[in-house]
Amino acid sequence: RCENAIRPFVIGRKRWLFADTPAGAHASAVIYSLIETARANGLEPYTWLRRVLRELPAAQSVEAVDALLPWNLHRHDLASEMTP
Protein backbone atom coordinates (compact mmCIF):
# COMPACT_ATOMS: atom_id res chain seq x y z
CA ARG A 1 0.00 0.00 0.00
CA CYS A 2 2.75 2.44 0.91
CA GLU A 3 4.62 1.67 -2.28
CA ASN A 4 1.50 2.39 -4.35
CA ALA A 5 0.98 5.67 -2.50
CA ILE A 6 4.36 7.04 -3.56
CA ARG A 7 4.18 5.83 -7.18
CA PRO A 8 2.66 9.12 -8.51
CA PHE A 9 5.35 10.99 -6.63
CA VAL A 10 8.12 9.02 -8.31
CA ILE A 11 6.53 9.24 -11.76
CA GLY A 12 6.00 13.00 -11.42
CA ARG A 13 9.46 13.88 -10.18
CA LYS A 14 10.64 15.07 -13.60
CA ARG A 15 7.91 17.71 -13.55
CA TRP A 16 9.22 18.95 -10.22
CA LEU A 17 12.58 19.81 -11.71
CA PHE A 18 10.89 23.08 -12.61
CA ALA A 19 10.45 24.00 -8.94
CA ASP A 20 13.54 26.13 -9.35
CA THR A 21 13.53 27.69 -5.89
CA PRO A 22 13.56 26.19 -2.41
CA ALA A 23 10.26 27.95 -1.71
CA GLY A 24 8.68 26.36 -4.80
CA ALA A 25 9.92 22.92 -3.79
CA HIS A 26 8.61 23.45 -0.25
CA ALA A 27 5.20 24.53 -1.56
CA SER A 28 5.01 21.42 -3.75
CA ALA A 29 5.89 19.20 -0.80
CA VAL A 30 3.23 20.84 1.39
CA ILE A 31 0.50 20.41 -1.22
CA TYR A 32 1.51 16.81 -1.91
CA SER A 33 1.44 16.06 1.84
CA LEU A 34 -2.02 17.57 2.22
CA ILE A 35 -3.40 15.59 -0.71
CA GLU A 36 -1.93 12.29 0.47
CA THR A 37 -3.13 12.88 4.04
CA ALA A 38 -6.67 13.44 2.78
CA ARG A 39 -6.47 10.25 0.71
CA ALA A 40 -5.09 8.28 3.65
CA ASN A 41 -8.13 9.37 5.66
CA GLY A 42 -10.56 8.24 2.95
CA LEU A 43 -11.42 11.71 1.66
CA GLU A 44 -11.47 13.04 -1.87
CA PRO A 45 -8.64 15.62 -1.77
CA TYR A 46 -10.24 18.29 -3.97
CA THR A 47 -13.47 18.23 -1.97
CA TRP A 48 -11.62 18.40 1.34
CA LEU A 49 -9.36 21.25 0.18
CA ARG A 50 -12.38 23.25 -1.02
CA ARG A 51 -13.96 22.93 2.44
CA VAL A 52 -10.75 23.85 4.25
CA LEU A 53 -9.94 26.85 2.05
CA ARG A 54 -13.49 28.15 2.41
CA GLU A 55 -13.77 27.73 6.21
CA LEU A 56 -10.22 28.34 7.42
CA PRO A 57 -10.32 32.15 7.16
CA ALA A 58 -13.36 32.22 9.44
CA ALA A 59 -11.85 29.92 12.08
CA GLN A 60 -11.66 31.78 15.39
CA SER A 61 -10.10 29.10 17.60
CA VAL A 62 -7.71 26.18 17.60
CA GLU A 63 -10.71 23.87 17.90
CA ALA A 64 -12.24 25.31 14.72
CA VAL A 65 -8.99 24.67 12.82
CA ASP A 66 -8.68 21.20 14.38
CA ALA A 67 -12.18 20.33 13.14
CA LEU A 68 -10.99 20.87 9.54
CA LEU A 69 -8.17 18.33 9.72
CA PRO A 70 -8.76 15.32 7.48
CA TRP A 71 -8.88 12.81 10.32
CA ASN A 72 -11.70 14.82 11.94
CA LEU A 73 -13.90 14.87 8.83
CA HIS A 74 -15.68 12.00 7.12
CA ARG A 75 -17.10 11.54 3.65
CA HIS A 76 -20.64 12.28 4.82
CA ASP A 77 -19.39 15.60 6.29
CA LEU A 78 -18.25 16.61 2.81
CA ALA A 79 -21.34 15.41 0.94
CA SER A 80 -22.55 19.01 0.50
CA GLU A 81 -19.20 19.89 -1.14
CA MET A 82 -19.52 17.36 -3.94
CA THR A 83 -19.79 18.94 -7.34
CA PRO A 84 -22.82 17.82 -9.37
PDB file of N, CA and C in Angstrom:
ATOM      1  N   ARG A   1       0.826  -1.197   0.000  1.00  0.00           N
ATOM      2  CA  ARG A   1       0.000   0.000   0.000  1.00  0.00           C
ATOM      3  C   ARG A   1       0.869   1.258   0.000  1.00  0.00           C
ATOM      4  N   CYS A   2       1.873   1.268   0.831  1.00  0.00           N
ATOM      5  CA  CYS A   2       2.753   2.441   0.914  1.00  0.00           C
ATOM      6  C   CYS A   2       3.469   2.658  -0.413  1.00  0.00           C
ATOM      7  N   GLU A   3       3.919   1.566  -1.004  1.00  0.00           N
ATOM      8  CA  GLU A   3       4.616   1.670  -2.279  1.00  0.00           C
ATOM      9  C   GLU A   3       3.711   2.253  -3.356  1.00  0.00           C
ATOM     10  N   ASN A   4       2.451   1.850  -3.373  1.00  0.00           N
ATOM     11  CA  ASN A   4       1.503   2.393  -4.345  1.00  0.00           C
ATOM     12  C   ASN A   4       1.194   3.859  -4.083  1.00  0.00           C
ATOM     13  N   ALA A   5       1.264   4.280  -2.837  1.00  0.00           N
ATOM     14  CA  ALA A   5       0.976   5.674  -2.503  1.00  0.00           C
ATOM     15  C   ALA A   5       2.048   6.616  -3.031  1.00  0.00           C
ATOM     16  N   ILE A   6       3.291   6.156  -3.103  1.00  0.00           N
ATOM     17  CA  ILE A   6       4.355   7.038  -3.563  1.00  0.00           C
ATOM     18  C   ILE A   6       4.611   6.933  -5.067  1.00  0.00           C
ATOM     19  N   ARG A   7       3.952   5.997  -5.736  1.00  0.00           N
ATOM     20  CA  ARG A   7       4.181   5.831  -7.181  1.00  0.00           C
ATOM     21  C   ARG A   7       3.942   7.123  -7.968  1.00  0.00           C
ATOM     22  N   PRO A   8       2.825   7.858  -7.766  1.00  0.00           N
ATOM     23  CA  PRO A   8       2.655   9.119  -8.507  1.00  0.00           C
ATOM     24  C   PRO A   8       3.758  10.130  -8.204  1.00  0.00           C
ATOM     25  N   PHE A   9       4.262  10.095  -7.005  1.00  0.00           N
ATOM     26  CA  PHE A   9       5.351  10.991  -6.630  1.00  0.00           C
ATOM     27  C   PHE A   9       6.599  10.690  -7.452  1.00  0.00           C
ATOM     28  N   VAL A  10       6.925   9.422  -7.571  1.00  0.00           N
ATOM     29  CA  VAL A  10       8.119   9.018  -8.311  1.00  0.00           C
ATOM     30  C   VAL A  10       7.945   9.305  -9.797  1.00  0.00           C
ATOM     31  N   ILE A  11       6.785   9.012 -10.340  1.00  0.00           N
ATOM     32  CA  ILE A  11       6.532   9.241 -11.757  1.00  0.00           C
ATOM     33  C   ILE A  11       6.564  10.732 -12.075  1.00  0.00           C
ATOM     34  N   GLY A  12       6.072  11.560 -11.173  1.00  0.00           N
ATOM     35  CA  GLY A  12       6.000  12.997 -11.420  1.00  0.00           C
ATOM     36  C   GLY A  12       7.249  13.778 -11.095  1.00  0.00           C
ATOM     37  N   ARG A  13       8.285  13.123 -10.649  1.00  0.00           N
ATOM     38  CA  ARG A  13       9.460  13.876 -10.184  1.00  0.00           C
ATOM     39  C   ARG A  13      10.131  14.699 -11.273  1.00  0.00           C
ATOM     40  N   LYS A  14      10.033  14.269 -12.528  1.00  0.00           N
ATOM     41  CA  LYS A  14      10.642  15.068 -13.603  1.00  0.00           C
ATOM     42  C   LYS A  14       9.944  16.417 -13.738  1.00  0.00           C
ATOM     43  N   ARG A  15       8.640  16.445 -13.487  1.00  0.00           N
ATOM     44  CA  ARG A  15       7.912  17.713 -13.546  1.00  0.00           C
ATOM     45  C   ARG A  15       8.367  18.660 -12.449  1.00  0.00           C
ATOM     46  N   TRP A  16       8.835  18.116 -11.345  1.00  0.00           N
ATOM     47  CA  TRP A  16       9.221  18.954 -10.222  1.00  0.00           C
ATOM     48  C   TRP A  16      10.604  19.545 -10.392  1.00  0.00           C
ATOM     49  N   LEU A  17      11.293  19.184 -11.442  1.00  0.00           N
ATOM     50  CA  LEU A  17      12.575  19.815 -11.711  1.00  0.00           C
ATOM     51  C   LEU A  17      12.394  21.302 -11.980  1.00  0.00           C
ATOM     52  N   PHE A  18      11.165  21.685 -12.310  1.00  0.00           N
ATOM     53  CA  PHE A  18      10.891  23.083 -12.612  1.00  0.00           C
ATOM     54  C   PHE A  18      10.572  23.902 -11.359  1.00  0.00           C
ATOM     55  N   ALA A  19      10.554  23.256 -10.197  1.00  0.00           N
ATOM     56  CA  ALA A  19      10.448  23.997  -8.942  1.00  0.00           C
ATOM     57  C   ALA A  19      11.847  24.535  -8.667  1.00  0.00           C
ATOM     58  N   ASP A  20      12.161  25.658  -9.313  1.00  0.00           N
ATOM     59  CA  ASP A  20      13.540  26.131  -9.348  1.00  0.00           C
ATOM     60  C   ASP A  20      13.991  26.916  -8.117  1.00  0.00           C
ATOM     61  N   THR A  21      13.132  27.022  -7.126  1.00  0.00           N
ATOM     62  CA  THR A  21      13.532  27.693  -5.894  1.00  0.00           C
ATOM     63  C   THR A  21      13.213  26.793  -4.712  1.00  0.00           C
ATOM     64  N   PRO A  22      13.897  26.960  -3.604  1.00  0.00           N
ATOM     65  CA  PRO A  22      13.560  26.187  -2.413  1.00  0.00           C
ATOM     66  C   PRO A  22      12.117  26.430  -1.958  1.00  0.00           C
ATOM     67  N   ALA A  23      11.639  27.657  -2.114  1.00  0.00           N
ATOM     68  CA  ALA A  23      10.258  27.954  -1.711  1.00  0.00           C
ATOM     69  C   ALA A  23       9.267  27.200  -2.598  1.00  0.00           C
ATOM     70  N   GLY A  24       9.547  27.101  -3.888  1.00  0.00           N
ATOM     71  CA  GLY A  24       8.681  26.359  -4.796  1.00  0.00           C
ATOM     72  C   GLY A  24       8.666  24.875  -4.474  1.00  0.00           C
ATOM     73  N   ALA A  25       9.835  24.330  -4.162  1.00  0.00           N
ATOM     74  CA  ALA A  25       9.924  22.921  -3.789  1.00  0.00           C
ATOM     75  C   ALA A  25       9.188  22.668  -2.474  1.00  0.00           C
ATOM     76  N   HIS A  26       9.310  23.587  -1.538  1.00  0.00           N
ATOM     77  CA  HIS A  26       8.612  23.449  -0.252  1.00  0.00           C
ATOM     78  C   HIS A  26       7.102  23.498  -0.454  1.00  0.00           C
ATOM     79  N   ALA A  27       6.631  24.420  -1.281  1.00  0.00           N
ATOM     80  CA  ALA A  27       5.196  24.529  -1.555  1.00  0.00           C
ATOM     81  C   ALA A  27       4.671  23.249  -2.194  1.00  0.00           C
ATOM     82  N   SER A  28       5.416  22.673  -3.122  1.00  0.00           N
ATOM     83  CA  SER A  28       5.011  21.419  -3.753  1.00  0.00           C
ATOM     84  C   SER A  28       4.923  20.295  -2.725  1.00  0.00           C
ATOM     85  N   ALA A  29       5.890  20.239  -1.827  1.00  0.00           N
ATOM     86  CA  ALA A  29       5.892  19.202  -0.797  1.00  0.00           C
ATOM     87  C   ALA A  29       4.702  19.361   0.148  1.00  0.00           C
ATOM     88  N   VAL A  30       4.367  20.589   0.495  1.00  0.00           N
ATOM     89  CA  VAL A  30       3.228  20.835   1.389  1.00  0.00           C
ATOM     90  C   VAL A  30       1.923  20.390   0.729  1.00  0.00           C
ATOM     91  N   ILE A  31       1.721  20.778  -0.514  1.00  0.00           N
ATOM     92  CA  ILE A  31       0.498  20.407  -1.217  1.00  0.00           C
ATOM     93  C   ILE A  31       0.406  18.896  -1.370  1.00  0.00           C
ATOM     94  N   TYR A  32       1.508  18.257  -1.756  1.00  0.00           N
ATOM     95  CA  TYR A  32       1.512  16.811  -1.907  1.00  0.00           C
ATOM     96  C   TYR A  32       1.175  16.131  -0.578  1.00  0.00           C
ATOM     97  N   SER A  33       1.729  16.629   0.514  1.00  0.00           N
ATOM     98  CA  SER A  33       1.443  16.058   1.838  1.00  0.00           C
ATOM     99  C   SER A  33      -0.026  16.203   2.207  1.00  0.00           C
ATOM    100  N   LEU A  34      -0.606  17.362   1.922  1.00  0.00           N
ATOM    101  CA  LEU A  34      -2.022  17.571   2.216  1.00  0.00           C
ATOM    102  C   LEU A  34      -2.902  16.612   1.420  1.00  0.00           C
ATOM    103  N   ILE A  35      -2.606  16.462   0.152  1.00  0.00           N
ATOM    104  CA  ILE A  35      -3.397  15.586  -0.709  1.00  0.00           C
ATOM    105  C   ILE A  35      -3.295  14.136  -0.247  1.00  0.00           C
ATOM    106  N   GLU A  36      -2.102  13.677   0.041  1.00  0.00           N
ATOM    107  CA  GLU A  36      -1.926  12.289   0.470  1.00  0.00           C
ATOM    108  C   GLU A  36      -2.525  12.040   1.855  1.00  0.00           C
ATOM    109  N   THR A  37      -2.501  13.032   2.729  1.00  0.00           N
ATOM    110  CA  THR A  37      -3.127  12.876   4.045  1.00  0.00           C
ATOM    111  C   THR A  37      -4.637  12.759   3.902  1.00  0.00           C
ATOM    112  N   ALA A  38      -5.226  13.551   3.025  1.00  0.00           N
ATOM    113  CA  ALA A  38      -6.668  13.439   2.776  1.00  0.00           C
ATOM    114  C   ALA A  38      -7.003  12.059   2.231  1.00  0.00           C
ATOM    115  N   ARG A  39      -6.226  11.589   1.270  1.00  0.00           N
ATOM    116  CA  ARG A  39      -6.466  10.254   0.706  1.00  0.00           C
ATOM    117  C   ARG A  39      -6.324   9.171   1.763  1.00  0.00           C
ATOM    118  N   ALA A  40      -5.311   9.282   2.604  1.00  0.00           N
ATOM    119  CA  ALA A  40      -5.087   8.277   3.646  1.00  0.00           C
ATOM    120  C   ALA A  40      -6.245   8.219   4.636  1.00  0.00           C
ATOM    121  N   ASN A  41      -6.981   9.320   4.755  1.00  0.00           N
ATOM    122  CA  ASN A  41      -8.128   9.366   5.657  1.00  0.00           C
ATOM    123  C   ASN A  41      -9.443   9.115   4.928  1.00  0.00           C
ATOM    124  N   GLY A  42      -9.371   8.633   3.696  1.00  0.00           N
ATOM    125  CA  GLY A  42     -10.559   8.244   2.948  1.00  0.00           C
ATOM    126  C   GLY A  42     -11.346   9.391   2.355  1.00  0.00           C
ATOM    127  N   LEU A  43     -10.726  10.545   2.212  1.00  0.00           N
ATOM    128  CA  LEU A  43     -11.424  11.708   1.661  1.00  0.00           C
ATOM    129  C   LEU A  43     -10.969  11.979   0.240  1.00  0.00           C
ATOM    130  N   GLU A  44     -11.829  12.603  -0.531  1.00  0.00           N
ATOM    131  CA  GLU A  44     -11.469  13.038  -1.873  1.00  0.00           C
ATOM    132  C   GLU A  44     -10.732  14.362  -1.693  1.00  0.00           C
ATOM    133  N   PRO A  45      -9.459  14.454  -2.091  1.00  0.00           N
ATOM    134  CA  PRO A  45      -8.637  15.624  -1.773  1.00  0.00           C
ATOM    135  C   PRO A  45      -9.205  16.957  -2.246  1.00  0.00           C
ATOM    136  N   TYR A  46      -9.720  17.023  -3.467  1.00  0.00           N
ATOM    137  CA  TYR A  46     -10.240  18.289  -3.974  1.00  0.00           C
ATOM    138  C   TYR A  46     -11.409  18.775  -3.135  1.00  0.00           C
ATOM    139  N   THR A  47     -12.300  17.874  -2.775  1.00  0.00           N
ATOM    140  CA  THR A  47     -13.467  18.232  -1.966  1.00  0.00           C
ATOM    141  C   THR A  47     -13.034  18.708  -0.591  1.00  0.00           C
ATOM    142  N   TRP A  48     -12.104  18.005   0.011  1.00  0.00           N
ATOM    143  CA  TRP A  48     -11.619  18.396   1.337  1.00  0.00           C
ATOM    144  C   TRP A  48     -10.922  19.754   1.293  1.00  0.00           C
ATOM    145  N   LEU A  49     -10.053  19.967   0.291  1.00  0.00           N
ATOM    146  CA  LEU A  49      -9.356  21.252   0.181  1.00  0.00           C
ATOM    147  C   LEU A  49     -10.322  22.411  -0.037  1.00  0.00           C
ATOM    148  N   ARG A  50     -11.374  22.196  -0.826  1.00  0.00           N
ATOM    149  CA  ARG A  50     -12.383  23.250  -1.016  1.00  0.00           C
ATOM    150  C   ARG A  50     -13.001  23.638   0.311  1.00  0.00           C
ATOM    151  N   ARG A  51     -13.360  22.652   1.128  1.00  0.00           N
ATOM    152  CA  ARG A  51     -13.957  22.928   2.441  1.00  0.00           C
ATOM    153  C   ARG A  51     -12.982  23.690   3.324  1.00  0.00           C
ATOM    154  N   VAL A  52     -11.745  23.221   3.388  1.00  0.00           N
ATOM    155  CA  VAL A  52     -10.747  23.855   4.251  1.00  0.00           C
ATOM    156  C   VAL A  52     -10.471  25.288   3.814  1.00  0.00           C
ATOM    157  N   LEU A  53     -10.262  25.507   2.531  1.00  0.00           N
ATOM    158  CA  LEU A  53      -9.940  26.849   2.053  1.00  0.00           C
ATOM    159  C   LEU A  53     -11.113  27.814   2.195  1.00  0.00           C
ATOM    160  N   ARG A  54     -12.334  27.293   2.211  1.00  0.00           N
ATOM    161  CA  ARG A  54     -13.493  28.154   2.414  1.00  0.00           C
ATOM    162  C   ARG A  54     -13.686  28.498   3.896  1.00  0.00           C
ATOM    163  N   GLU A  55     -13.466  27.533   4.788  1.00  0.00           N
ATOM    164  CA  GLU A  55     -13.773  27.728   6.208  1.00  0.00           C
ATOM    165  C   GLU A  55     -12.588  28.199   7.053  1.00  0.00           C
ATOM    166  N   LEU A  56     -11.383  27.973   6.614  1.00  0.00           N
ATOM    167  CA  LEU A  56     -10.217  28.337   7.421  1.00  0.00           C
ATOM    168  C   LEU A  56     -10.124  29.829   7.740  1.00  0.00           C
ATOM    169  N   PRO A  57     -10.407  30.729   6.807  1.00  0.00           N
ATOM    170  CA  PRO A  57     -10.315  32.153   7.159  1.00  0.00           C
ATOM    171  C   PRO A  57     -11.279  32.582   8.264  1.00  0.00           C
ATOM    172  N   ALA A  58     -12.376  31.867   8.419  1.00  0.00           N
ATOM    173  CA  ALA A  58     -13.359  32.223   9.441  1.00  0.00           C
ATOM    174  C   ALA A  58     -13.103  31.535  10.778  1.00  0.00           C
ATOM    175  N   ALA A  59     -12.130  30.650  10.847  1.00  0.00           N
ATOM    176  CA  ALA A  59     -11.849  29.921  12.083  1.00  0.00           C
ATOM    177  C   ALA A  59     -11.348  30.888  13.146  1.00  0.00           C
ATOM    178  N   GLN A  60     -11.988  30.866  14.308  1.00  0.00           N
ATOM    179  CA  GLN A  60     -11.657  31.784  15.389  1.00  0.00           C
ATOM    180  C   GLN A  60     -10.916  31.125  16.550  1.00  0.00           C
ATOM    181  N   SER A  61     -10.749  29.791  16.494  1.00  0.00           N
ATOM    182  CA  SER A  61     -10.105  29.100  17.603  1.00  0.00           C
ATOM    183  C   SER A  61      -9.310  27.909  17.083  1.00  0.00           C
ATOM    184  N   VAL A  62      -8.481  27.372  17.954  1.00  0.00           N
ATOM    185  CA  VAL A  62      -7.711  26.183  17.604  1.00  0.00           C
ATOM    186  C   VAL A  62      -8.665  25.019  17.340  1.00  0.00           C
ATOM    187  N   GLU A  63      -9.742  24.946  18.091  1.00  0.00           N
ATOM    188  CA  GLU A  63     -10.714  23.867  17.905  1.00  0.00           C
ATOM    189  C   GLU A  63     -11.375  23.940  16.530  1.00  0.00           C
ATOM    190  N   ALA A  64     -11.629  25.145  16.044  1.00  0.00           N
ATOM    191  CA  ALA A  64     -12.238  25.308  14.722  1.00  0.00           C
ATOM    192  C   ALA A  64     -11.275  24.847  13.621  1.00  0.00           C
ATOM    193  N   VAL A  65      -9.998  25.129  13.787  1.00  0.00           N
ATOM    194  CA  VAL A  65      -8.993  24.668  12.824  1.00  0.00           C
ATOM    195  C   VAL A  65      -8.842  23.152  12.924  1.00  0.00           C
ATOM    196  N   ASP A  66      -8.808  22.636  14.151  1.00  0.00           N
ATOM    197  CA  ASP A  66      -8.678  21.197  14.379  1.00  0.00           C
ATOM    198  C   ASP A  66      -9.833  20.419  13.735  1.00  0.00           C
ATOM    199  N   ALA A  67     -11.007  20.994  13.728  1.00  0.00           N
ATOM    200  CA  ALA A  67     -12.176  20.330  13.137  1.00  0.00           C
ATOM    201  C   ALA A  67     -12.051  20.172  11.626  1.00  0.00           C
ATOM    202  N   LEU A  68     -11.177  20.942  10.991  1.00  0.00           N
ATOM    203  CA  LEU A  68     -10.992  20.874   9.540  1.00  0.00           C
ATOM    204  C   LEU A  68      -9.934  19.866   9.113  1.00  0.00           C
ATOM    205  N   LEU A  69      -9.207  19.306  10.056  1.00  0.00           N
ATOM    206  CA  LEU A  69      -8.173  18.331   9.716  1.00  0.00           C
ATOM    207  C   LEU A  69      -8.806  17.080   9.127  1.00  0.00           C
ATOM    208  N   PRO A  70      -8.135  16.427   8.194  1.00  0.00           N
ATOM    209  CA  PRO A  70      -8.762  15.316   7.477  1.00  0.00           C
ATOM    210  C   PRO A  70      -9.164  14.145   8.358  1.00  0.00           C
ATOM    211  N   TRP A  71      -8.495  13.916   9.457  1.00  0.00           N
ATOM    212  CA  TRP A  71      -8.881  12.809  10.322  1.00  0.00           C
ATOM    213  C   TRP A  71     -10.066  13.165  11.217  1.00  0.00           C
ATOM    214  N   ASN A  72     -10.513  14.419  11.183  1.00  0.00           N
ATOM    215  CA  ASN A  72     -11.699  14.817  11.938  1.00  0.00           C
ATOM    216  C   ASN A  72     -12.938  14.967  11.055  1.00  0.00           C
ATOM    217  N   LEU A  73     -12.779  14.795   9.758  1.00  0.00           N
ATOM    218  CA  LEU A  73     -13.903  14.868   8.830  1.00  0.00           C
ATOM    219  C   LEU A  73     -14.122  13.500   8.198  1.00  0.00           C
ATOM    220  N   HIS A  74     -15.348  13.258   7.784  1.00  0.00           N
ATOM    221  CA  HIS A  74     -15.683  12.001   7.118  1.00  0.00           C
ATOM    222  C   HIS A  74     -16.358  12.327   5.795  1.00  0.00           C
ATOM    223  N   ARG A  75     -16.489  11.326   4.966  1.00  0.00           N
ATOM    224  CA  ARG A  75     -17.096  11.541   3.647  1.00  0.00           C
ATOM    225  C   ARG A  75     -18.473  12.178   3.754  1.00  0.00           C
ATOM    226  N   HIS A  76     -19.279  11.720   4.701  1.00  0.00           N
ATOM    227  CA  HIS A  76     -20.638  12.277   4.821  1.00  0.00           C
ATOM    228  C   HIS A  76     -20.614  13.738   5.259  1.00  0.00           C
ATOM    229  N   ASP A  77     -19.530  14.175   5.930  1.00  0.00           N
ATOM    230  CA  ASP A  77     -19.393  15.596   6.290  1.00  0.00           C
ATOM    231  C   ASP A  77     -19.170  16.461   5.057  1.00  0.00           C
ATOM    232  N   LEU A  78     -18.586  15.868   4.026  1.00  0.00           N
ATOM    233  CA  LEU A  78     -18.247  16.607   2.812  1.00  0.00           C
ATOM    234  C   LEU A  78     -19.260  16.397   1.700  1.00  0.00           C
ATOM    235  N   ALA A  79     -20.351  15.716   1.985  1.00  0.00           N
ATOM    236  CA  ALA A  79     -21.339  15.413   0.940  1.00  0.00           C
ATOM    237  C   ALA A  79     -21.886  16.688   0.287  1.00  0.00           C
ATOM    238  N   SER A  80     -22.022  17.759   1.057  1.00  0.00           N
ATOM    239  CA  SER A  80     -22.549  19.012   0.501  1.00  0.00           C
ATOM    240  C   SER A  80     -21.534  19.696  -0.405  1.00  0.00           C
ATOM    241  N   GLU A  81     -20.266  19.299  -0.332  1.00  0.00           N
ATOM    242  CA  GLU A  81     -19.197  19.893  -1.137  1.00  0.00           C
ATOM    243  C   GLU A  81     -19.094  19.265  -2.521  1.00  0.00           C
ATOM    244  N   MET A  82     -19.670  18.099  -2.678  1.00  0.00           N
ATOM    245  CA  MET A  82     -19.520  17.360  -3.936  1.00  0.00           C
ATOM    246  C   MET A  82     -20.093  18.166  -5.098  1.00  0.00           C
ATOM    247  N   THR A  83     -19.329  18.234  -6.160  1.00  0.00           N
ATOM    248  CA  THR A  83     -19.794  18.945  -7.343  1.00  0.00           C
ATOM    249  C   THR A  83     -20.754  18.062  -8.127  1.00  0.00           C
ATOM    250  N   PRO A  84     -21.841  18.640  -8.661  1.00  0.00           N
ATOM    251  CA  PRO A  84     -22.820  17.817  -9.373  1.00  0.00           C
ATOM    252  C   PRO A  84     -22.294  17.282 -10.683  1.00  0.00           C
TER     253      PRO A  84
END
